């Protein structure tokens, strides 16, 4: 089972391949082309306290609004300062996915 942002697909292992380091993900390519610290579509982790979203929550960058990064977290959409989030590691994304399924 592979969880894409738009849909969950059930696929055979032989139908997919792991991206190699020389294949850029779209979010990484967007980040290169922009002067913004995070690319639209990039997965990020909240590092600061918020009344609606717990620190460590993983969200997806939607864009920029008045100098803030707009991020879609499972609990809410927030506009945060770039210093309040960081790029999500593979381990953080897996942990967030497991927590969502629990």
PDB file of N, CA and C in Angstrom:
ATOM      1  N   UNK A   1       0.853  -1.173   0.000  1.00  0.00           N
ATOM      2  CA  UNK A   1       0.000   0.000   0.000  1.00  0.00           C
ATOM      3  C   UNK A   1       0.898   1.234   0.000  1.00  0.00           C
ATOM      4  N   UNK A   2       0.646   2.147  -0.911  1.00  0.00           N
ATOM      5  CA  UNK A   2       1.422   3.374  -1.016  1.00  0.00           C
ATOM      6  C   UNK A   2       0.484   4.543  -0.800  1.00  0.00           C
ATOM      7  N   UNK A   3       0.843   5.476   0.105  1.00  0.00           N
ATOM      8  CA  UNK A   3       0.017   6.615   0.448  1.00  0.00           C
ATOM      9  C   UNK A   3       0.529   7.849  -0.287  1.00  0.00           C
ATOM     10  N   UNK A   4      -0.168   8.258  -1.335  1.00  0.00           N
ATOM     11  CA  UNK A   4       0.146   9.470  -2.066  1.00  0.00           C
ATOM     12  C   UNK A   4      -0.723  10.591  -1.504  1.00  0.00           C
ATOM     13  N   UNK A   5      -0.345  11.875  -1.692  1.00  0.00           N
ATOM     14  CA  UNK A   5      -1.145  12.970  -1.134  1.00  0.00           C
ATOM     15  C   UNK A   5      -2.607  12.937  -1.579  1.00  0.00           C
ATOM     16  N   UNK A   6      -2.879  12.512  -2.797  1.00  0.00           N
ATOM     17  CA  UNK A   6      -4.236  12.563  -3.323  1.00  0.00           C
ATOM     18  C   UNK A   6      -5.031  11.281  -3.119  1.00  0.00           C
ATOM     19  N   UNK A   7      -4.333  10.140  -2.970  1.00  0.00           N
ATOM     20  CA  UNK A   7      -5.029   8.864  -2.972  1.00  0.00           C
ATOM     21  C   UNK A   7      -4.145   7.787  -2.333  1.00  0.00           C
ATOM     22  N   UNK A   8      -4.763   6.752  -1.813  1.00  0.00           N
ATOM     23  CA  UNK A   8      -4.032   5.581  -1.320  1.00  0.00           C
ATOM     24  C   UNK A   8      -4.219   4.473  -2.344  1.00  0.00           C
ATOM     25  N   UNK A   9      -3.107   3.940  -2.833  1.00  0.00           N
ATOM     26  CA  UNK A   9      -3.161   2.890  -3.840  1.00  0.00           C
ATOM     27  C   UNK A   9      -2.608   1.592  -3.279  1.00  0.00           C
ATOM     28  N   UNK A  10      -3.209   0.498  -3.668  1.00  0.00           N
ATOM     29  CA  UNK A  10      -2.647  -0.806  -3.346  1.00  0.00           C
ATOM     30  C   UNK A  10      -1.913  -1.275  -4.596  1.00  0.00           C
ATOM     31  N   UNK A  11      -0.603  -1.467  -4.459  1.00  0.00           N
ATOM     32  CA  UNK A  11       0.217  -1.862  -5.602  1.00  0.00           C
ATOM     33  C   UNK A  11       1.112  -3.034  -5.220  1.00  0.00           C
ATOM     34  N   UNK A  12       1.525  -3.781  -6.209  1.00  0.00           N
ATOM     35  CA  UNK A  12       2.486  -4.857  -6.015  1.00  0.00           C
ATOM     36  C   UNK A  12       3.873  -4.234  -5.884  1.00  0.00           C
ATOM     37  N   UNK A  13       4.734  -4.843  -5.093  1.00  0.00           N
ATOM     38  CA  UNK A  13       6.083  -4.324  -4.912  1.00  0.00           C
ATOM     39  C   UNK A  13       6.812  -4.180  -6.233  1.00  0.00           C
ATOM     40  N   UNK A  14       6.544  -5.083  -7.169  1.00  0.00           N
ATOM     41  CA  UNK A  14       7.233  -5.030  -8.462  1.00  0.00           C
ATOM     42  C   UNK A  14       6.768  -3.845  -9.312  1.00  0.00           C
ATOM     43  N   UNK A  15       5.678  -3.169  -8.910  1.00  0.00           N
ATOM     44  CA  UNK A  15       5.137  -2.055  -9.683  1.00  0.00           C
ATOM     45  C   UNK A  15       5.747  -0.703  -9.308  1.00  0.00           C
ATOM     46  N   UNK A  16       6.567  -0.685  -8.266  1.00  0.00           N
ATOM     47  CA  UNK A  16       7.169   0.577  -7.840  1.00  0.00           C
ATOM     48  C   UNK A  16       8.672   0.402  -7.687  1.00  0.00           C
ATOM     49  N   UNK A  17       9.371   1.507  -7.686  1.00  0.00           N
ATOM     50  CA  UNK A  17      10.799   1.461  -7.423  1.00  0.00           C
ATOM     51  C   UNK A  17      11.167   2.644  -6.543  1.00  0.00           C
ATOM     52  N   UNK A  18      12.170   2.467  -5.746  1.00  0.00           N
ATOM     53  CA  UNK A  18      12.654   3.498  -4.854  1.00  0.00           C
ATOM     54  C   UNK A  18      13.400   4.543  -5.669  1.00  0.00           C
ATOM     55  N   UNK A  19      13.097   5.818  -5.431  1.00  0.00           N
ATOM     56  CA  UNK A  19      13.781   6.893  -6.153  1.00  0.00           C
ATOM     57  C   UNK A  19      15.241   6.930  -5.731  1.00  0.00           C
ATOM     58  N   UNK A  20      16.115   7.054  -6.692  1.00  0.00           N
ATOM     59  CA  UNK A  20      17.532   7.148  -6.369  1.00  0.00           C
ATOM     60  C   UNK A  20      17.885   8.582  -6.042  1.00  0.00           C
ATOM     61  N   UNK A  21      19.048   8.794  -5.485  1.00  0.00           N
ATOM     62  CA  UNK A  21      19.459  10.127  -5.059  1.00  0.00           C
ATOM     63  C   UNK A  21      19.595  11.099  -6.221  1.00  0.00           C
ATOM     64  N   UNK A  22      19.748  10.593  -7.458  1.00  0.00           N
ATOM     65  CA  UNK A  22      19.864  11.510  -8.589  1.00  0.00           C
ATOM     66  C   UNK A  22      18.501  11.881  -9.177  1.00  0.00           C
ATOM     67  N   UNK A  23      17.415  11.303  -8.642  1.00  0.00           N
ATOM     68  CA  UNK A  23      16.072  11.672  -9.064  1.00  0.00           C
ATOM     69  C   UNK A  23      15.500  12.637  -8.036  1.00  0.00           C
ATOM     70  N   UNK A  24      15.226  13.861  -8.457  1.00  0.00           N
ATOM     71  CA  UNK A  24      14.697  14.858  -7.526  1.00  0.00           C
ATOM     72  C   UNK A  24      13.193  14.716  -7.399  1.00  0.00           C
ATOM     73  N   UNK A  25      12.706  14.850  -6.190  1.00  0.00           N
ATOM     74  CA  UNK A  25      11.273  14.902  -5.953  1.00  0.00           C
ATOM     75  C   UNK A  25      10.762  16.268  -6.413  1.00  0.00           C
ATOM     76  N   UNK A  26       9.485  16.375  -6.813  1.00  0.00           N
ATOM     77  CA  UNK A  26       8.960  17.659  -7.259  1.00  0.00           C
ATOM     78  C   UNK A  26       9.140  18.774  -6.230  1.00  0.00           C
ATOM     79  N   UNK A  27       8.918  18.480  -4.941  1.00  0.00           N
ATOM     80  CA  UNK A  27       9.077  19.522  -3.918  1.00  0.00           C
ATOM     81  C   UNK A  27      10.508  20.021  -3.876  1.00  0.00           C
ATOM     82  N   UNK A  28      11.464  19.123  -4.010  1.00  0.00           N
ATOM     83  CA  UNK A  28      12.872  19.524  -4.003  1.00  0.00           C
ATOM     84  C   UNK A  28      13.187  20.382  -5.219  1.00  0.00           C
ATOM     85  N   UNK A  29      12.639  20.038  -6.360  1.00  0.00           N
ATOM     86  CA  UNK A  29      12.863  20.823  -7.572  1.00  0.00           C
ATOM     87  C   UNK A  29      12.245  22.207  -7.424  1.00  0.00           C
ATOM     88  N   UNK A  30      11.043  22.285  -6.839  1.00  0.00           N
ATOM     89  CA  UNK A  30      10.396  23.585  -6.611  1.00  0.00           C
ATOM     90  C   UNK A  30      11.217  24.435  -5.658  1.00  0.00           C
ATOM     91  N   UNK A  31      11.787  23.819  -4.644  1.00  0.00           N
ATOM     92  CA  UNK A  31      12.593  24.536  -3.659  1.00  0.00           C
ATOM     93  C   UNK A  31      13.824  25.144  -4.324  1.00  0.00           C
ATOM     94  N   UNK A  32      14.449  24.387  -5.235  1.00  0.00           N
ATOM     95  CA  UNK A  32      15.627  24.881  -5.948  1.00  0.00           C
ATOM     96  C   UNK A  32      15.288  26.125  -6.760  1.00  0.00           C
ATOM     97  N   UNK A  33      14.112  26.148  -7.380  1.00  0.00           N
ATOM     98  CA  UNK A  33      13.728  27.247  -8.262  1.00  0.00           C
ATOM     99  C   UNK A  33      13.255  28.473  -7.491  1.00  0.00           C
ATOM    100  N   UNK A  34      12.980  28.341  -6.228  1.00  0.00           N
ATOM    101  CA  UNK A  34      12.433  29.420  -5.418  1.00  0.00           C
ATOM    102  C   UNK A  34      13.460  29.930  -4.420  1.00  0.00           C
ATOM    103  N   UNK A  35      13.249  31.156  -3.967  1.00  0.00           N
ATOM    104  CA  UNK A  35      14.112  31.704  -2.920  1.00  0.00           C
ATOM    105  C   UNK A  35      13.487  31.479  -1.538  1.00  0.00           C
ATOM    106  N   UNK A  36      12.324  30.847  -1.503  1.00  0.00           N
ATOM    107  CA  UNK A  36      11.642  30.565  -0.249  1.00  0.00           C
ATOM    108  C   UNK A  36      12.326  29.397   0.445  1.00  0.00           C
ATOM    109  N   UNK A  37      12.287  29.355   1.786  1.00  0.00           N
ATOM    110  CA  UNK A  37      12.968  28.274   2.506  1.00  0.00           C
ATOM    111  C   UNK A  37      12.328  26.898   2.337  1.00  0.00           C
ATOM    112  N   UNK A  38      11.048  26.841   2.001  1.00  0.00           N
ATOM    113  CA  UNK A  38      10.343  25.568   1.828  1.00  0.00           C
ATOM    114  C   UNK A  38       9.574  25.604   0.521  1.00  0.00           C
ATOM    115  N   UNK A  39       9.525  24.480  -0.158  1.00  0.00           N
ATOM    116  CA  UNK A  39       8.806  24.373  -1.427  1.00  0.00           C
ATOM    117  C   UNK A  39       7.345  24.013  -1.183  1.00  0.00           C
ATOM    118  N   UNK A  40       6.479  24.479  -2.059  1.00  0.00           N
ATOM    119  CA  UNK A  40       5.082  24.062  -2.014  1.00  0.00           C
ATOM    120  C   UNK A  40       5.049  22.551  -2.212  1.00  0.00           C
ATOM    121  N   UNK A  41       4.324  21.857  -1.351  1.00  0.00           N
ATOM    122  CA  UNK A  41       4.238  20.406  -1.397  1.00  0.00           C
ATOM    123  C   UNK A  41       5.239  19.697  -0.505  1.00  0.00           C
ATOM    124  N   UNK A  42       6.200  20.449   0.041  1.00  0.00           N
ATOM    125  CA  UNK A  42       7.210  19.848   0.914  1.00  0.00           C
ATOM    126  C   UNK A  42       6.593  19.471   2.255  1.00  0.00           C
ATOM    127  N   UNK A  43       7.001  18.327   2.793  1.00  0.00           N
ATOM    128  CA  UNK A  43       6.518  17.903   4.110  1.00  0.00           C
ATOM    129  C   UNK A  43       7.430  18.498   5.180  1.00  0.00           C
ATOM    130  N   UNK A  44       6.804  19.118   6.172  1.00  0.00           N
ATOM    131  CA  UNK A  44       7.535  19.795   7.245  1.00  0.00           C
ATOM    132  C   UNK A  44       7.003  19.363   8.601  1.00  0.00           C
ATOM    133  N   UNK A  45       7.802  19.626   9.635  1.00  0.00           N
ATOM    134  CA  UNK A  45       7.440  19.287  11.015  1.00  0.00           C
ATOM    135  C   UNK A  45       7.347  20.577  11.818  1.00  0.00           C
ATOM    136  N   UNK A  46       6.298  20.706  12.621  1.00  0.00           N
ATOM    137  CA  UNK A  46       6.155  21.848  13.519  1.00  0.00           C
ATOM    138  C   UNK A  46       7.093  21.650  14.703  1.00  0.00           C
ATOM    139  N   UNK A  47       7.937  22.646  14.972  1.00  0.00           N
ATOM    140  CA  UNK A  47       8.909  22.532  16.053  1.00  0.00           C
ATOM    141  C   UNK A  47       8.527  23.362  17.272  1.00  0.00           C
ATOM    142  N   UNK A  48       7.519  24.215  17.142  1.00  0.00           N
ATOM    143  CA  UNK A  48       7.102  25.111  18.224  1.00  0.00           C
ATOM    144  C   UNK A  48       5.718  24.721  18.753  1.00  0.00           C
ATOM    145  N   UNK A  49       5.398  25.209  19.936  1.00  0.00           N
ATOM    146  CA  UNK A  49       4.069  24.989  20.523  1.00  0.00           C
ATOM    147  C   UNK A  49       3.011  25.771  19.736  1.00  0.00           C
ATOM    148  N   UNK A  50       1.832  25.185  19.578  1.00  0.00           N
ATOM    149  CA  UNK A  50       0.680  25.858  18.992  1.00  0.00           C
ATOM    150  C   UNK A  50      -0.562  25.310  19.674  1.00  0.00           C
ATOM    151  N   UNK A  51      -1.569  26.150  19.846  1.00  0.00           N
ATOM    152  CA  UNK A  51      -2.774  25.700  20.557  1.00  0.00           C
ATOM    153  C   UNK A  51      -3.588  24.677  19.763  1.00  0.00           C
ATOM    154  N   UNK A  52      -3.429  24.661  18.423  1.00  0.00           N
ATOM    155  CA  UNK A  52      -4.210  23.753  17.589  1.00  0.00           C
ATOM    156  C   UNK A  52      -3.445  22.526  17.099  1.00  0.00           C
ATOM    157  N   UNK A  53      -2.107  22.635  17.031  1.00  0.00           N
ATOM    158  CA  UNK A  53      -1.291  21.569  16.450  1.00  0.00           C
ATOM    159  C   UNK A  53      -0.134  21.247  17.394  1.00  0.00           C
ATOM    160  N   UNK A  54       0.072  19.972  17.655  1.00  0.00           N
ATOM    161  CA  UNK A  54       1.130  19.537  18.571  1.00  0.00           C
ATOM    162  C   UNK A  54       2.504  19.624  17.897  1.00  0.00           C
ATOM    163  N   UNK A  55       3.528  19.985  18.661  1.00  0.00           N
ATOM    164  CA  UNK A  55       4.880  19.952  18.114  1.00  0.00           C
ATOM    165  C   UNK A  55       5.205  18.540  17.627  1.00  0.00           C
ATOM    166  N   UNK A  56       5.912  18.443  16.526  1.00  0.00           N
ATOM    167  CA  UNK A  56       6.228  17.145  15.946  1.00  0.00           C
ATOM    168  C   UNK A  56       5.240  16.704  14.886  1.00  0.00           C
ATOM    169  N   UNK A  57       4.118  17.437  14.753  1.00  0.00           N
ATOM    170  CA  UNK A  57       3.140  17.101  13.714  1.00  0.00           C
ATOM    171  C   UNK A  57       3.723  17.391  12.339  1.00  0.00           C
ATOM    172  N   UNK A  58       3.413  16.517  11.385  1.00  0.00           N
ATOM    173  CA  UNK A  58       3.891  16.679  10.012  1.00  0.00           C
ATOM    174  C   UNK A  58       2.776  17.301   9.172  1.00  0.00           C
ATOM    175  N   UNK A  59       3.144  18.294   8.384  1.00  0.00           N
ATOM    176  CA  UNK A  59       2.195  18.955   7.496  1.00  0.00           C
ATOM    177  C   UNK A  59       2.806  19.175   6.132  1.00  0.00           C
ATOM    178  N   UNK A  60       1.992  19.688   5.207  1.00  0.00           N
ATOM    179  CA  UNK A  60       2.430  19.940   3.836  1.00  0.00           C
ATOM    180  C   UNK A  60       2.348  21.436   3.558  1.00  0.00           C
ATOM    181  N   UNK A  61       3.437  21.984   3.023  1.00  0.00           N
ATOM    182  CA  UNK A  61       3.485  23.412   2.702  1.00  0.00           C
ATOM    183  C   UNK A  61       2.513  23.694   1.556  1.00  0.00           C
ATOM    184  N   UNK A  62       1.605  24.659   1.804  1.00  0.00           N
ATOM    185  CA  UNK A  62       0.635  25.061   0.790  1.00  0.00           C
ATOM    186  C   UNK A  62       1.112  26.278   0.005  1.00  0.00           C
ATOM    187  N   UNK A  63       1.901  27.132   0.666  1.00  0.00           N
ATOM    188  CA  UNK A  63       2.363  28.347   0.010  1.00  0.00           C
ATOM    189  C   UNK A  63       2.808  29.367   1.042  1.00  0.00           C
ATOM    190  N   UNK A  64       2.823  30.621   0.617  1.00  0.00           N
ATOM    191  CA  UNK A  64       3.268  31.718   1.477  1.00  0.00           C
ATOM    192  C   UNK A  64       2.213  32.804   1.505  1.00  0.00           C
ATOM    193  N   UNK A  65       1.958  33.343   2.726  1.00  0.00           N
ATOM    194  CA  UNK A  65       0.974  34.396   2.920  1.00  0.00           C
ATOM    195  C   UNK A  65       1.587  35.466   3.811  1.00  0.00           C
ATOM    196  N   UNK A  66       1.772  36.656   3.267  1.00  0.00           N
ATOM    197  CA  UNK A  66       2.295  37.791   4.039  1.00  0.00           C
ATOM    198  C   UNK A  66       3.558  37.448   4.824  1.00  0.00           C
ATOM    199  N   UNK A  67       4.479  36.728   4.209  1.00  0.00           N
ATOM    200  CA  UNK A  67       5.741  36.391   4.861  1.00  0.00           C
ATOM    201  C   UNK A  67       5.695  35.160   5.748  1.00  0.00           C
ATOM    202  N   UNK A  68       4.540  34.552   5.890  1.00  0.00           N
ATOM    203  CA  UNK A  68       4.391  33.338   6.688  1.00  0.00           C
ATOM    204  C   UNK A  68       4.270  32.134   5.756  1.00  0.00           C
ATOM    205  N   UNK A  69       4.656  30.970   6.268  1.00  0.00           N
ATOM    206  CA  UNK A  69       4.508  29.728   5.523  1.00  0.00           C
ATOM    207  C   UNK A  69       3.156  29.136   5.881  1.00  0.00           C
ATOM    208  N   UNK A  70       2.335  28.869   4.883  1.00  0.00           N
ATOM    209  CA  UNK A  70       1.024  28.260   5.124  1.00  0.00           C
ATOM    210  C   UNK A  70       1.188  26.750   5.021  1.00  0.00           C
ATOM    211  N   UNK A  71       0.841  26.052   6.119  1.00  0.00           N
ATOM    212  CA  UNK A  71       1.060  24.600   6.196  1.00  0.00           C
ATOM    213  C   UNK A  71      -0.248  23.906   6.567  1.00  0.00           C
ATOM    214  N   UNK A  72      -0.546  22.837   5.834  1.00  0.00           N
ATOM    215  CA  UNK A  72      -1.729  22.021   6.105  1.00  0.00           C
ATOM    216  C   UNK A  72      -1.322  20.859   6.996  1.00  0.00           C
ATOM    217  N   UNK A  73      -1.648  20.972   8.298  1.00  0.00           N
ATOM    218  CA  UNK A  73      -1.426  19.895   9.261  1.00  0.00           C
ATOM    219  C   UNK A  73      -2.733  19.117   9.385  1.00  0.00           C
ATOM    220  N   UNK A  74      -2.694  17.873   9.857  1.00  0.00           N
ATOM    221  CA  UNK A  74      -3.942  17.107  10.006  1.00  0.00           C
ATOM    222  C   UNK A  74      -4.984  17.818  10.884  1.00  0.00           C
ATOM    223  N   UNK A  75      -4.508  18.557  11.887  1.00  0.00           N
ATOM    224  CA  UNK A  75      -5.431  19.207  12.822  1.00  0.00           C
ATOM    225  C   UNK A  75      -5.948  20.551  12.332  1.00  0.00           C
ATOM    226  N   UNK A  76      -5.135  21.277  11.551  1.00  0.00           N
ATOM    227  CA  UNK A  76      -5.512  22.624  11.126  1.00  0.00           C
ATOM    228  C   UNK A  76      -4.525  23.147  10.091  1.00  0.00           C
ATOM    229  N   UNK A  77      -4.956  24.164   9.354  1.00  0.00           N
ATOM    230  CA  UNK A  77      -4.042  24.876   8.465  1.00  0.00           C
ATOM    231  C   UNK A  77      -3.511  26.071   9.240  1.00  0.00           C
ATOM    232  N   UNK A  78      -2.182  26.181   9.312  1.00  0.00           N
ATOM    233  CA  UNK A  78      -1.542  27.260  10.057  1.00  0.00           C
ATOM    234  C   UNK A  78      -0.684  28.116   9.149  1.00  0.00           C
ATOM    235  N   UNK A  79      -0.545  29.377   9.517  1.00  0.00           N
ATOM    236  CA  UNK A  79       0.432  30.273   8.915  1.00  0.00           C
ATOM    237  C   UNK A  79       1.499  30.479   9.973  1.00  0.00           C
ATOM    238  N   UNK A  80       2.707  29.961   9.719  1.00  0.00           N
ATOM    239  CA  UNK A  80       3.782  29.969  10.710  1.00  0.00           C
ATOM    240  C   UNK A  80       5.015  30.662  10.145  1.00  0.00           C
ATOM    241  N   UNK A  81       5.885  31.090  11.042  1.00  0.00           N
ATOM    242  CA  UNK A  81       7.166  31.624  10.616  1.00  0.00           C
ATOM    243  C   UNK A  81       8.055  30.461  10.203  1.00  0.00           C
ATOM    244  N   UNK A  82       8.948  30.702   9.257  1.00  0.00           N
ATOM    245  CA  UNK A  82       9.820  29.635   8.743  1.00  0.00           C
ATOM    246  C   UNK A  82      10.633  28.989   9.859  1.00  0.00           C
ATOM    247  N   UNK A  83      10.976  29.725  10.903  1.00  0.00           N
ATOM    248  CA  UNK A  83      11.758  29.184  12.006  1.00  0.00           C
ATOM    249  C   UNK A  83      10.976  28.246  12.918  1.00  0.00           C
ATOM    250  N   UNK A  84       9.658  28.157  12.726  1.00  0.00           N
ATOM    251  CA  UNK A  84       8.819  27.291  13.562  1.00  0.00           C
ATOM    252  C   UNK A  84       8.613  25.900  12.962  1.00  0.00           C
ATOM    253  N   UNK A  85       9.173  25.673  11.765  1.00  0.00           N
ATOM    254  CA  UNK A  85       9.050  24.376  11.102  1.00  0.00           C
ATOM    255  C   UNK A  85      10.407  23.967  10.540  1.00  0.00           C
ATOM    256  N   UNK A  86      10.516  22.674  10.235  1.00  0.00           N
ATOM    257  CA  UNK A  86      11.725  22.152   9.580  1.00  0.00           C
ATOM    258  C   UNK A  86      11.290  21.083   8.593  1.00  0.00           C
ATOM    259  N   UNK A  87      12.154  20.778   7.644  1.00  0.00           N
ATOM    260  CA  UNK A  87      11.862  19.725   6.676  1.00  0.00           C
ATOM    261  C   UNK A  87      11.714  18.402   7.426  1.00  0.00           C
ATOM    262  N   UNK A  88      10.666  17.658   7.105  1.00  0.00           N
ATOM    263  CA  UNK A  88      10.397  16.385   7.773  1.00  0.00           C
ATOM    264  C   UNK A  88      11.357  15.312   7.284  1.00  0.00           C
ATOM    265  N   UNK A  89      11.909  14.559   8.231  1.00  0.00           N
ATOM    266  CA  UNK A  89      12.757  13.416   7.879  1.00  0.00           C
ATOM    267  C   UNK A  89      11.859  12.232   7.537  1.00  0.00           C
ATOM    268  N   UNK A  90      12.438  11.220   6.935  1.00  0.00           N
ATOM    269  CA  UNK A  90      11.689   9.995   6.616  1.00  0.00           C
ATOM    270  C   UNK A  90      11.105   9.382   7.879  1.00  0.00           C
ATOM    271  N   UNK A  91      11.884   9.382   8.959  1.00  0.00           N
ATOM    272  CA  UNK A  91      11.418   8.808  10.222  1.00  0.00           C
ATOM    273  C   UNK A  91      10.231   9.582  10.774  1.00  0.00           C
ATOM    274  N   UNK A  92      10.260  10.905  10.681  1.00  0.00           N
ATOM    275  CA  UNK A  92       9.150  11.726  11.179  1.00  0.00           C
ATOM    276  C   UNK A  92       7.891  11.497  10.341  1.00  0.00           C
ATOM    277  N   UNK A  93       8.055  11.346   9.029  1.00  0.00           N
ATOM    278  CA  UNK A  93       6.896  11.094   8.165  1.00  0.00           C
ATOM    279  C   UNK A  93       6.275   9.735   8.477  1.00  0.00           C
ATOM    280  N   UNK A  94       7.123   8.715   8.692  1.00  0.00           N
ATOM    281  CA  UNK A  94       6.613   7.387   9.040  1.00  0.00           C
ATOM    282  C   UNK A  94       5.905   7.387  10.392  1.00  0.00           C
ATOM    283  N   UNK A  95       6.472   8.085  11.368  1.00  0.00           N
ATOM    284  CA  UNK A  95       5.848   8.173  12.688  1.00  0.00           C
ATOM    285  C   UNK A  95       4.503   8.866  12.617  1.00  0.00           C
ATOM    286  N   UNK A  96       4.421   9.935  11.839  1.00  0.00           N
ATOM    287  CA  UNK A  96       3.145  10.661  11.695  1.00  0.00           C
ATOM    288  C   UNK A  96       2.107   9.790  10.997  1.00  0.00           C
ATOM    289  N   UNK A  97       2.525   9.045   9.997  1.00  0.00           N
ATOM    290  CA  UNK A  97       1.614   8.145   9.286  1.00  0.00           C
ATOM    291  C   UNK A  97       1.094   7.055  10.216  1.00  0.00           C
ATOM    292  N   UNK A  98       1.980   6.487  11.025  1.00  0.00           N
ATOM    293  CA  UNK A  98       1.587   5.432  11.976  1.00  0.00           C
ATOM    294  C   UNK A  98       0.619   5.992  13.026  1.00  0.00           C
ATOM    295  N   UNK A  99       0.877   7.200  13.503  1.00  0.00           N
ATOM    296  CA  UNK A  99       0.001   7.820  14.502  1.00  0.00           C
ATOM    297  C   UNK A  99      -1.375   8.095  13.914  1.00  0.00           C
ATOM    298  N   UNK A 100      -1.428   8.490  12.659  1.00  0.00           N
ATOM    299  CA  UNK A 100      -2.715   8.772  12.016  1.00  0.00           C
ATOM    300  C   UNK A 100      -3.549   7.516  11.845  1.00  0.00           C
ATOM    301  N   UNK A 101      -2.885   6.384  11.664  1.00  0.00           N
ATOM    302  CA  UNK A 101      -3.610   5.115  11.479  1.00  0.00           C
ATOM    303  C   UNK A 101      -4.035   4.496  12.800  1.00  0.00           C
ATOM    304  N   UNK A 102      -3.442   4.952  13.914  1.00  0.00           N
ATOM    305  CA  UNK A 102      -3.750   4.363  15.229  1.00  0.00           C
ATOM    306  C   UNK A 102      -5.077   4.818  15.753  1.00  0.00           C
TER     307      UNK A 102
END
